């Protein structure tokens, strides 16, 4: 074959190959983007089944946190759908003023109005988890690593808590404004820029730890506990550093006295919950090394009796009537008259005094009661634990937008919905048959809302929650040095 023909054939192949290579590149990029988008938005939880890991000793705490987040979800939906009078009796004891509802029975009531109990459990778990590594360093006497660990934790904590809050509330604000979605209790500003400015003003105050006011975040008022979570973290880290050089018994006594201060001297129930979690972790690590004080060692033969009593008493106290902060109202509830005299005078809302003991007893009991621990280690509870923070963040916006309209459509409209959502009122009215809190028309909307809330929580976990853990870690590594810099001569 002549050389010029070979050259022409080669050029033709090269010319034909170029667009093929370009098309292949575009196809590859598109497929990668599509894969990443699908990986981000697919509704199925990410599985680690390819690399099964041995359960951590405290993995039950993740499941307990997840189940507690579900109780918050259910409690808020109960209060949203039912009318104000029903809410009073829901959050009161069984047979309060003659209303003997199944949902108000002791122990049963936890599954209907256990949201307050769940928040107390959150705070105990936080105190336990935040102090785990520092306490191990304190007990090992490694002061240098302790300082670095607590410094890193303080650096990362604000970002870890508030990045997901900022992101989710901004998206909620934008969607409700741009699509003109009416939300109960949320007033629309005349322009989007005015709305953004209002959101910014609320957010900067909400995220300021030392703001003495207790303003509610109007874009998601269920998040009132997040600033308390931040304050409790500061209490834990400060106490860890303050008690770091104390010997074992002195450290345990000081932790106990700090709980007493928060519970009986000032209205610091939240601080008592965090420090109780820290004390619990201290005792657990000492027990693992068989270094508990003699008093606790003498109780070891009776531990199962003690922990089952803790579980029983904790679940009873966890159902404390919560409709009023006044202790005199608490005394009107059957079964709570004599207990009300135990309340500390320093605590304003009586429920938090009893929820302190309820949460501490429950969290203490779970790891020692096999069937209960296995329940919280089960796959579904672990899944709820993984998405628990995002679930807590998104359930309110879903409830106030889609949930409000679904409840209105099936027959749960109140005056505000009749006025602002007239087109939704009773369009799919369903019977209210069934016991209070489990009415048919109340349960049916959750066929939509629960999967939707779980899905959005999964997405928020991937997009905001997990990056809010990684980004502060990267930032800390990028802005610190591995060893202290020497002072100039």
Protein backbone atom coordinates (compact mmCIF):
# COMPACT_ATOMS: atom_id res chain seq x y z
CA UNK A 1 0.00 0.00 0.00
CA UNK A 2 1.40 3.45 -0.92
CA UNK A 3 2.67 5.56 1.94
CA UNK A 4 0.34 8.50 1.17
CA UNK A 5 -2.68 6.17 1.43
CA UNK A 6 -1.41 4.86 4.76
CA UNK A 7 -0.99 8.44 6.00
CA UNK A 8 -4.51 9.33 4.89
CA UNK A 9 -5.94 6.25 6.61
CA UNK A 10 -4.03 7.07 9.77
CA UNK A 11 -5.26 10.68 9.73
CA UNK A 12 -8.84 9.49 9.16
CA UNK A 13 -8.57 7.13 12.14
CA UNK A 14 -7.14 9.89 14.31
CA UNK A 15 -9.89 12.31 13.24
CA UNK A 16 -12.51 9.68 13.94
CA UNK A 17 -10.88 8.85 17.26
CA UNK A 18 -10.88 12.37 18.65
CA UNK A 19 -14.62 12.78 18.99
CA UNK A 20 -14.80 9.25 20.40
CA UNK A 21 -12.30 10.14 23.10
CA UNK A 22 -14.16 13.37 23.85
CA UNK A 23 -17.48 11.56 23.99
CA UNK A 24 -15.98 8.92 26.26
CA UNK A 25 -14.67 11.62 28.58
CA UNK A 26 -18.05 13.37 28.71
CA UNK A 27 -19.77 10.05 29.29
CA UNK A 28 -17.36 9.17 32.09
CA UNK A 29 -17.77 12.55 33.80
CA UNK A 30 -21.54 12.35 33.47
CA UNK A 31 -21.65 8.84 34.86
CA UNK A 32 -19.44 9.84 37.79
CA UNK A 33 -21.66 12.84 38.52
CA UNK A 34 -24.78 10.75 38.17
CA UNK A 35 -23.30 8.09 40.44
CA UNK A 36 -22.37 10.67 43.08
CA UNK A 37 -25.80 12.29 42.82
CA UNK A 38 -27.52 8.92 43.12
CA UNK A 39 -25.22 7.97 46.00
CA UNK A 40 -26.23 11.20 47.71
CA UNK A 41 -29.97 11.04 47.07
CA UNK A 42 -30.78 7.34 47.04
CA UNK A 43 -33.23 6.53 49.83
CA UNK A 44 -31.44 3.45 51.16
CA UNK A 45 -29.11 3.87 54.14
CA UNK A 46 -25.45 3.28 53.46
CA UNK A 47 -24.42 -0.19 54.50
CA UNK A 48 -21.14 -1.33 55.97
CA UNK A 49 -21.96 -5.00 55.45
CA UNK A 50 -18.85 -5.50 53.29
CA UNK A 51 -16.66 -4.66 56.23
CA UNK A 52 -18.50 -5.84 59.35
CA UNK A 53 -17.07 -4.38 62.52
CA UNK A 54 -17.25 -5.62 66.06
CA UNK A 55 -19.71 -3.60 68.09
CA UNK A 56 -18.12 -0.94 70.26
CA UNK A 57 -18.80 -1.34 74.00
CA UNK A 58 -20.94 1.82 74.01
CA UNK A 59 -22.75 1.28 70.70
CA UNK A 60 -25.99 0.89 72.66
CA UNK A 61 -25.82 4.62 73.38
CA UNK A 62 -26.19 5.34 69.65
CA UNK A 63 -29.33 3.21 69.57
CA UNK A 64 -30.69 4.83 72.72
CA UNK A 65 -30.09 8.27 71.21
CA UNK A 66 -31.84 7.24 68.01
CA UNK A 67 -34.86 5.82 69.80
CA UNK A 68 -35.04 8.98 71.92
CA UNK A 69 -35.05 11.08 68.72
CA UNK A 70 -38.01 9.04 67.49
CA UNK A 71 -39.85 9.74 70.77
CA UNK A 72 -39.30 13.47 70.17
CA UNK A 73 -40.76 13.11 66.67
CA UNK A 74 -43.82 11.25 67.95
CA UNK A 75 -44.38 13.63 70.87
CA UNK A 76 -44.32 16.71 68.65
CA UNK A 77 -46.78 15.16 66.22
CA UNK A 78 -49.15 14.28 69.06
CA UNK A 79 -49.11 17.87 70.31
CA UNK A 80 -49.43 19.36 66.83
CA UNK A 81 -52.50 17.41 65.75
CA UNK A 82 -54.58 17.51 68.93
CA UNK A 83 -56.34 20.56 70.34
CA UNK A 84 -55.06 22.56 73.35
CA UNK A 85 -57.40 20.89 75.86
CA UNK A 86 -56.35 17.44 74.69
CA UNK A 87 -52.70 18.46 75.01
CA UNK A 88 -53.21 19.26 78.70
CA UNK A 89 -54.58 15.81 79.46
CA UNK A 90 -51.97 14.14 77.25
CA UNK A 91 -49.21 15.64 79.37
CA UNK A 92 -50.97 14.89 82.65
CA UNK A 93 -51.19 11.73 84.75
CA UNK A 94 -53.68 8.94 84.20
CA UNK A 95 -57.22 9.95 85.28
CA UNK A 96 -56.27 13.62 85.72
CA UNK A 97 -59.61 15.41 86.25
CA UNK A 98 -61.39 12.19 85.33
CA UNK A 99 -59.77 11.70 81.89
CA UNK A 100 -58.57 8.09 82.01
CA UNK A 101 -56.82 7.62 78.67
CA UNK A 102 -54.71 4.56 77.87
CA UNK A 103 -51.94 6.78 76.54
CA UNK A 104 -51.63 8.47 79.97
CA UNK A 105 -50.95 5.25 81.89
CA UNK A 106 -47.62 5.08 83.74
CA UNK A 107 -44.84 3.67 81.52
CA UNK A 108 -47.15 3.66 78.48
CA UNK A 109 -47.12 7.47 78.44
CA UNK A 110 -43.40 7.44 77.60
CA UNK A 111 -44.29 6.31 74.07
CA UNK A 112 -46.71 9.21 73.54
CA UNK A 113 -45.27 12.17 75.42
CA UNK A 114 -41.70 11.02 76.00
CA UNK A 115 -40.09 13.92 74.17
CA UNK A 116 -39.08 15.74 77.37
CA UNK A 117 -37.64 12.52 78.76
CA UNK A 118 -35.76 12.00 75.48
CA UNK A 119 -34.10 15.43 75.72
CA UNK A 120 -32.90 14.65 79.24
CA UNK A 121 -31.49 11.35 77.94
CA UNK A 122 -29.73 13.26 75.11
CA UNK A 123 -27.93 15.44 77.64
CA UNK A 124 -26.80 12.52 79.82
CA UNK A 125 -25.49 10.68 76.75
CA UNK A 126 -23.68 13.82 75.59
CA UNK A 127 -21.97 14.21 78.96
CA UNK A 128 -20.96 10.55 78.84
CA UNK A 129 -19.62 10.57 75.28
CA UNK A 130 -17.87 13.96 75.41
CA UNK A 131 -15.96 12.97 78.53
CA UNK A 132 -14.98 9.42 77.49
CA UNK A 133 -11.55 10.12 75.99
CA UNK A 134 -10.57 12.92 78.42
CA UNK A 135 -11.46 10.76 81.44
CA UNK A 136 -9.34 7.90 80.11
CA UNK A 137 -6.43 10.35 79.85
CA UNK A 138 -7.11 11.73 83.33
CA UNK A 139 -7.11 8.24 84.82
CA UNK A 140 -3.89 7.48 82.93
CA UNK A 141 -2.31 10.71 84.22
CA UNK A 142 -1.51 11.98 80.72
CA UNK A 143 -2.00 15.72 81.20
CA UNK A 144 -0.37 16.74 77.91
CA UNK A 145 -2.66 14.62 75.74
CA UNK A 146 -5.62 15.71 77.87
CA UNK A 147 -4.94 19.37 77.12
CA UNK A 148 -4.65 18.67 73.40
CA UNK A 149 -7.80 16.53 73.38
CA UNK A 150 -9.96 19.07 75.20
CA UNK A 151 -8.54 21.93 73.12
CA UNK A 152 -9.42 20.09 69.93
CA UNK A 153 -12.91 19.27 71.22
CA UNK A 154 -13.58 22.89 72.17
CA UNK A 155 -12.32 24.08 68.78
CA UNK A 156 -14.66 21.72 66.89
CA UNK A 157 -17.79 21.72 69.06
CA UNK A 158 -19.47 24.96 67.92
CA UNK A 159 -18.99 24.10 64.25
CA UNK A 160 -20.16 20.54 64.81
CA UNK A 161 -23.43 21.65 66.39
CA UNK A 162 -24.30 24.75 64.38
CA UNK A 163 -23.29 24.01 60.78
CA UNK A 164 -26.27 21.64 60.29
CA UNK A 165 -28.58 24.09 62.07
CA UNK A 166 -27.49 27.01 59.89
CA UNK A 167 -27.78 24.99 56.68
CA UNK A 168 -31.18 23.39 57.35
CA UNK A 169 -32.85 26.56 58.62
CA UNK A 170 -31.54 28.59 55.68
CA UNK A 171 -32.95 26.05 53.22
CA UNK A 172 -36.26 25.96 55.09
CA UNK A 173 -36.43 29.77 55.11
CA UNK A 174 -35.68 29.95 51.38
CA UNK A 175 -38.18 27.27 50.36
CA UNK A 176 -41.05 28.63 52.44
CA UNK A 177 -40.44 32.16 51.17
CA UNK A 178 -39.89 31.40 47.48
CA UNK A 179 -42.85 29.03 47.24
CA UNK A 180 -45.07 31.15 49.49
CA UNK A 181 -45.70 28.29 51.92
CA UNK A 182 -47.72 29.28 54.97
CA UNK A 183 -46.22 28.01 58.23
CA UNK A 184 -47.95 28.43 61.57
CA UNK A 185 -46.11 31.01 63.70
CA UNK A 186 -43.76 32.13 60.90
CA UNK A 187 -44.36 35.63 59.54
CA UNK A 188 -43.26 36.40 56.01
CA UNK A 189 -41.15 39.53 55.31
CA UNK A 190 -41.85 41.80 52.31
CA UNK A 191 -38.72 40.80 50.34
CA UNK A 192 -36.38 37.83 50.24
CA UNK A 193 -33.45 39.99 51.33
CA UNK A 194 -35.48 41.15 54.33
CA UNK A 195 -36.23 37.51 55.12
CA UNK A 196 -32.56 36.60 54.90
CA UNK A 197 -31.67 39.50 57.16
CA UNK A 198 -34.26 38.41 59.73
CA UNK A 199 -32.93 34.85 59.58
CA UNK A 200 -29.38 36.15 60.04
CA UNK A 201 -30.36 38.24 63.07
CA UNK A 202 -32.12 35.30 64.68
CA UNK A 203 -29.27 32.94 63.90
CA UNK A 204 -26.47 35.13 65.25
CA UNK A 205 -28.31 35.51 68.55
CA UNK A 206 -29.26 31.83 68.65
CA UNK A 207 -25.66 30.70 68.16
CA UNK A 208 -24.17 33.11 70.72
CA UNK A 209 -23.45 31.01 73.78
CA UNK A 210 -23.47 33.86 76.29
CA UNK A 211 -26.71 35.53 75.22
CA UNK A 212 -28.77 35.79 78.40
CA UNK A 213 -32.06 35.85 76.48
CA UNK A 214 -33.79 32.59 75.56
CA UNK A 215 -35.15 33.52 72.16
CA UNK A 216 -36.79 30.75 70.18
CA UNK A 217 -35.58 30.18 66.62
CA UNK A 218 -38.75 30.87 64.64
CA UNK A 219 -37.53 28.87 61.63
CA UNK A 220 -37.36 25.72 63.75
CA UNK A 221 -38.42 26.31 67.33
CA UNK A 222 -37.86 22.64 68.23
CA UNK A 223 -34.13 23.39 68.26
CA UNK A 224 -34.21 25.17 71.64
CA UNK A 225 -32.03 22.38 73.07
CA UNK A 226 -29.04 23.03 70.77
CA UNK A 227 -27.71 26.11 72.67
CA UNK A 228 -28.10 24.08 75.87
CA UNK A 229 -26.12 21.29 74.23
CA UNK A 230 -23.34 23.80 73.57
CA UNK A 231 -23.45 25.18 77.12
CA UNK A 232 -23.41 21.69 78.57
CA UNK A 233 -20.37 20.85 76.46
CA UNK A 234 -18.52 23.84 77.90
CA UNK A 235 -19.47 22.74 81.42
CA UNK A 236 -18.11 19.24 80.78
CA UNK A 237 -14.82 20.41 79.23
CA UNK A 238 -14.28 22.99 81.98
CA UNK A 239 -14.98 20.47 84.73
CA UNK A 240 -12.63 17.94 83.13
CA UNK A 241 -9.76 20.43 83.13
CA UNK A 242 -10.59 21.68 86.62
CA UNK A 243 -10.63 18.17 88.12
CA UNK A 244 -7.82 16.70 85.99
CA UNK A 245 -5.17 16.64 88.73
CA UNK A 246 -7.48 15.50 91.51
CA UNK A 247 -7.06 11.97 92.88
CA UNK A 248 -9.83 9.48 92.22
CA UNK A 249 -12.01 9.98 95.29
CA UNK A 250 -11.67 13.76 95.28
CA UNK A 251 -12.58 13.88 91.59
CA UNK A 252 -15.70 11.75 92.11
CA UNK A 253 -16.79 13.86 95.08
CA UNK A 254 -16.30 17.09 93.14
CA UNK A 255 -18.35 15.77 90.22
CA UNK A 256 -21.12 14.84 92.65
CA UNK A 257 -20.99 18.26 94.32
CA UNK A 258 -21.21 19.96 90.93
CA UNK A 259 -24.39 17.98 90.20
CA UNK A 260 -25.77 19.04 93.60
CA UNK A 261 -24.98 22.68 92.80
CA UNK A 262 -26.80 22.56 89.45
CA UNK A 263 -29.80 20.73 90.88
CA UNK A 264 -30.31 22.22 94.36
CA UNK A 265 -28.56 25.60 94.45
CA UNK A 266 -29.36 27.05 91.00
CA UNK A 267 -31.81 26.22 88.23
CA UNK A 268 -29.19 24.31 86.27
CA UNK A 269 -30.94 21.00 85.58
CA UNK A 270 -29.25 20.79 82.17
CA UNK A 271 -25.79 21.15 83.72
CA UNK A 272 -26.64 18.42 86.22
CA UNK A 273 -27.55 16.08 83.36
CA UNK A 274 -24.27 16.68 81.52
CA UNK A 275 -22.13 16.29 84.62
CA UNK A 276 -24.07 13.16 85.60
CA UNK A 277 -23.12 11.66 82.24
CA UNK A 278 -19.50 12.59 82.92
CA UNK A 279 -19.60 11.02 86.40
CA UNK A 280 -21.20 7.89 84.96
CA UNK A 281 -18.38 7.54 82.44
CA UNK A 282 -15.79 8.03 85.16
CA UNK A 283 -17.35 5.23 87.21
CA UNK A 284 -17.68 2.91 84.21
CA UNK A 285 -14.01 3.28 83.29
CA UNK A 286 -12.97 2.71 86.89
CA UNK A 287 -15.20 -0.37 87.03
CA UNK A 288 -13.59 -1.76 83.86
CA UNK A 289 -10.19 -1.51 85.57
CA UNK A 290 -11.58 -2.76 88.92
CA UNK A 291 -10.61 0.51 90.60
CA UNK A 292 -14.00 1.57 91.95
CA UNK A 293 -14.18 2.92 95.50
CA UNK A 294 -14.99 0.29 98.13
CA UNK A 295 -18.56 1.56 98.52
CA UNK A 296 -19.41 0.59 94.95
CA UNK A 297 -17.58 -2.72 95.20
CA UNK A 298 -19.75 -3.70 98.15
CA UNK A 299 -22.84 -3.16 95.98
CA UNK A 300 -21.61 -5.40 93.16
CA UNK A 301 -23.49 -8.56 94.34
CA UNK A 302 -26.77 -6.61 94.18
CA UNK A 303 -26.18 -4.81 90.90
CA UNK A 304 -28.94 -6.54 88.90
CA UNK A 305 -31.53 -5.79 91.57
CA UNK A 306 -30.35 -2.18 91.65
CA UNK A 307 -30.39 -1.72 87.88
CA UNK A 308 -33.84 -3.24 87.43
CA UNK A 309 -35.11 -0.87 90.11
CA UNK A 310 -33.36 1.96 88.26
CA UNK A 311 -35.17 0.95 85.07
CA UNK A 312 -38.56 0.73 86.77
CA UNK A 313 -38.22 4.01 88.68
CA UNK A 314 -36.64 5.80 85.73
CA UNK A 315 -39.46 4.89 83.34
CA UNK A 316 -42.06 5.95 85.90
CA UNK A 317 -40.39 9.30 86.60
CA UNK A 318 -39.85 9.78 82.85
CA UNK A 319 -43.61 10.15 82.52
CA UNK A 320 -43.77 13.13 84.87
CA UNK A 321 -46.72 15.44 84.04
CA UNK A 322 -45.35 18.33 82.02
CA UNK A 323 -48.28 20.55 81.07
CA UNK A 324 -47.45 23.13 83.75
CA UNK A 325 -44.22 24.27 85.45
CA UNK A 326 -46.04 24.91 88.75
CA UNK A 327 -45.46 22.27 91.42
CA UNK A 328 -48.98 22.93 92.74
CA UNK A 329 -50.38 21.73 89.42
CA UNK A 330 -48.16 18.66 89.66
CA UNK A 331 -49.77 17.80 93.00
CA UNK A 332 -53.18 17.61 91.37
CA UNK A 333 -52.02 14.67 89.25
CA UNK A 334 -52.88 11.22 90.66
CA UNK A 335 -49.77 9.49 91.96
CA UNK A 336 -47.65 12.63 92.11
CA UNK A 337 -48.84 14.41 95.24
CA UNK A 338 -46.18 13.11 97.64
CA UNK A 339 -43.47 12.98 95.00
CA UNK A 340 -43.98 16.68 94.33
CA UNK A 341 -42.60 17.51 97.79
CA UNK A 342 -39.23 16.11 96.73
CA UNK A 343 -38.73 18.78 94.07
CA UNK A 344 -35.86 21.17 94.60
CA UNK A 345 -36.91 24.75 95.26
CA UNK A 346 -34.29 26.00 92.81
CA UNK A 347 -35.78 24.30 89.72
CA UNK A 348 -38.45 26.44 88.03
CA UNK A 349 -40.13 23.77 85.89
CA UNK A 350 -40.84 20.79 88.12
CA UNK A 351 -40.62 18.26 85.30
CA UNK A 352 -36.86 18.74 84.84
CA UNK A 353 -36.11 17.79 88.44
CA UNK A 354 -37.75 14.40 88.02
CA UNK A 355 -36.46 13.93 84.47
CA UNK A 356 -32.92 14.29 85.80
CA UNK A 357 -33.30 11.18 87.93
CA UNK A 358 -35.29 9.39 85.22
CA UNK A 359 -32.64 9.91 82.54
CA UNK A 360 -29.69 9.08 84.81
CA UNK A 361 -31.35 5.88 86.01
CA UNK A 362 -32.27 4.76 82.49
CA UNK A 363 -28.84 5.40 80.97
CA UNK A 364 -27.21 3.69 83.97
CA UNK A 365 -29.43 0.62 83.68
CA UNK A 366 -29.32 -0.07 79.94
CA UNK A 367 -25.78 -1.56 79.66
CA UNK A 368 -26.46 -3.98 82.52
CA UNK A 369 -29.82 -5.35 81.34
CA UNK A 370 -29.06 -7.70 78.48
CA UNK A 371 -32.35 -7.73 76.58
CA UNK A 372 -32.63 -3.94 76.74
CA UNK A 373 -29.06 -3.41 75.62
CA UNK A 374 -29.58 -5.80 72.69
CA UNK A 375 -32.68 -3.85 71.66
CA UNK A 376 -30.68 -0.63 71.36
CA UNK A 377 -27.89 -2.46 69.56
CA UNK A 378 -30.37 -3.76 66.95
CA UNK A 379 -30.04 -2.52 63.38
CA UNK A 380 -33.06 -0.21 63.33
CA UNK A 381 -32.07 1.59 66.54
CA UNK A 382 -28.52 1.91 65.22
CA UNK A 383 -29.87 3.41 62.01
CA UNK A 384 -31.94 5.90 64.00
CA UNK A 385 -28.84 6.69 66.03
CA UNK A 386 -26.78 7.43 62.92
CA UNK A 387 -29.34 9.92 61.60
CA UNK A 388 -30.59 11.11 65.01
CA UNK A 389 -29.22 14.66 64.81
CA UNK A 390 -30.51 15.22 61.28
CA UNK A 391 -33.82 13.56 62.22
CA UNK A 392 -34.11 16.06 65.07
CA UNK A 393 -33.33 18.94 62.69
CA UNK A 394 -35.73 18.08 59.85
CA UNK A 395 -38.76 16.66 61.64
CA UNK A 396 -39.99 20.13 62.62
CA UNK A 397 -39.93 21.64 59.10
CA UNK A 398 -41.65 18.54 57.68
CA UNK A 399 -44.29 18.70 60.41
CA UNK A 400 -45.01 22.41 59.96
CA UNK A 401 -45.32 22.22 56.16
CA UNK A 402 -46.39 18.85 54.78
CA UNK A 403 -47.58 17.47 58.11
CA UNK A 404 -49.78 20.44 58.86
CA UNK A 405 -51.51 20.12 55.51
CA UNK A 406 -51.99 16.36 55.79
CA UNK A 407 -53.48 16.68 59.26
CA UNK A 408 -55.77 19.44 58.00
CA UNK A 409 -56.82 17.30 55.05
CA UNK A 410 -57.79 14.27 57.14
CA UNK A 411 -59.80 16.27 59.67
CA UNK A 412 -57.45 17.75 62.28
CA UNK A 413 -57.84 21.42 61.34
CA UNK A 414 -57.66 24.10 64.03
CA UNK A 415 -58.70 27.75 63.71
CA UNK A 416 -55.40 28.82 62.10
CA UNK A 417 -55.60 26.10 59.47
CA UNK A 418 -59.22 26.94 58.67
CA UNK A 419 -58.19 30.55 58.11
CA UNK A 420 -54.92 30.09 56.19
CA UNK A 421 -55.35 26.65 54.60
CA UNK A 422 -59.06 26.56 53.67
CA UNK A 423 -58.35 24.60 50.49
CA UNK A 424 -56.95 21.71 52.59
CA UNK A 425 -59.67 21.47 55.22
CA UNK A 426 -61.24 17.98 55.35
CA UNK A 427 -60.56 17.15 51.70
CA UNK A 428 -59.72 13.56 52.71
CA UNK A 429 -61.53 13.45 56.03
CA UNK A 430 -61.01 10.18 57.88
CA UNK A 431 -62.73 8.81 60.99
CA UNK A 432 -61.21 9.58 64.38
CA UNK A 433 -61.91 6.08 65.62
CA UNK A 434 -59.44 4.55 68.04
CA UNK A 435 -57.98 5.45 71.44
CA UNK A 436 -56.58 8.91 72.09
CA UNK A 437 -53.22 9.32 70.43
CA UNK A 438 -53.79 6.36 68.11
CA UNK A 439 -56.78 7.59 66.11
CA UNK A 440 -57.05 6.20 62.59
CA UNK A 441 -56.99 9.67 61.05
CA UNK A 442 -53.89 10.53 63.09
CA UNK A 443 -51.93 7.42 62.12
CA UNK A 444 -52.65 7.44 58.36
CA UNK A 445 -50.65 10.65 57.57
CA UNK A 446 -47.55 8.98 59.01
CA UNK A 447 -47.56 6.55 56.10
CA UNK A 448 -46.25 9.58 54.20
CA UNK A 449 -44.58 11.68 56.89
CA UNK A 450 -42.44 9.09 58.65
CA UNK A 451 -40.75 7.72 55.50
CA UNK A 452 -40.34 11.27 54.17
CA UNK A 453 -38.81 12.52 57.42
CA UNK A 454 -36.46 9.54 57.60
CA UNK A 455 -35.43 10.09 53.98
CA UNK A 456 -34.74 13.79 54.47
CA UNK A 457 -32.84 12.98 57.66
CA UNK A 458 -30.70 10.51 55.70
CA UNK A 459 -29.93 13.18 53.08
CA UNK A 460 -29.23 15.82 55.73
CA UNK A 461 -26.90 13.39 57.49
CA UNK A 462 -24.88 12.90 54.30
CA UNK A 463 -24.88 16.55 53.21
CA UNK A 464 -24.62 18.45 56.51
CA UNK A 465 -24.16 16.22 59.55
CA UNK A 466 -21.22 14.07 58.46
CA UNK A 467 -19.33 17.01 56.84
CA UNK A 468 -19.87 19.00 60.05
CA UNK A 469 -17.77 16.34 61.76
CA UNK A 470 -15.04 16.16 59.10
CA UNK A 471 -14.69 19.88 58.35
CA UNK A 472 -13.86 21.00 61.93
CA UNK A 473 -11.35 18.14 62.19
CA UNK A 474 -9.66 19.28 58.98
CA UNK A 475 -9.76 22.91 60.09
CA UNK A 476 -8.21 22.06 63.44
CA UNK A 477 -5.39 20.11 61.80
CA UNK A 478 -4.84 22.93 59.29
CA UNK A 479 -4.63 25.70 61.87
CA UNK A 480 -2.60 24.06 64.62
CA UNK A 481 0.94 22.76 64.93
CA UNK A 482 1.88 19.31 66.14
CA UNK A 483 4.21 20.64 68.81
CA UNK A 484 4.32 23.95 70.70
CA UNK A 485 6.40 26.58 68.92
CA UNK A 486 9.55 27.72 70.74
CA UNK A 487 9.65 31.26 71.97
CA UNK A 488 12.20 33.47 70.20
CA UNK A 489 15.50 33.91 72.03
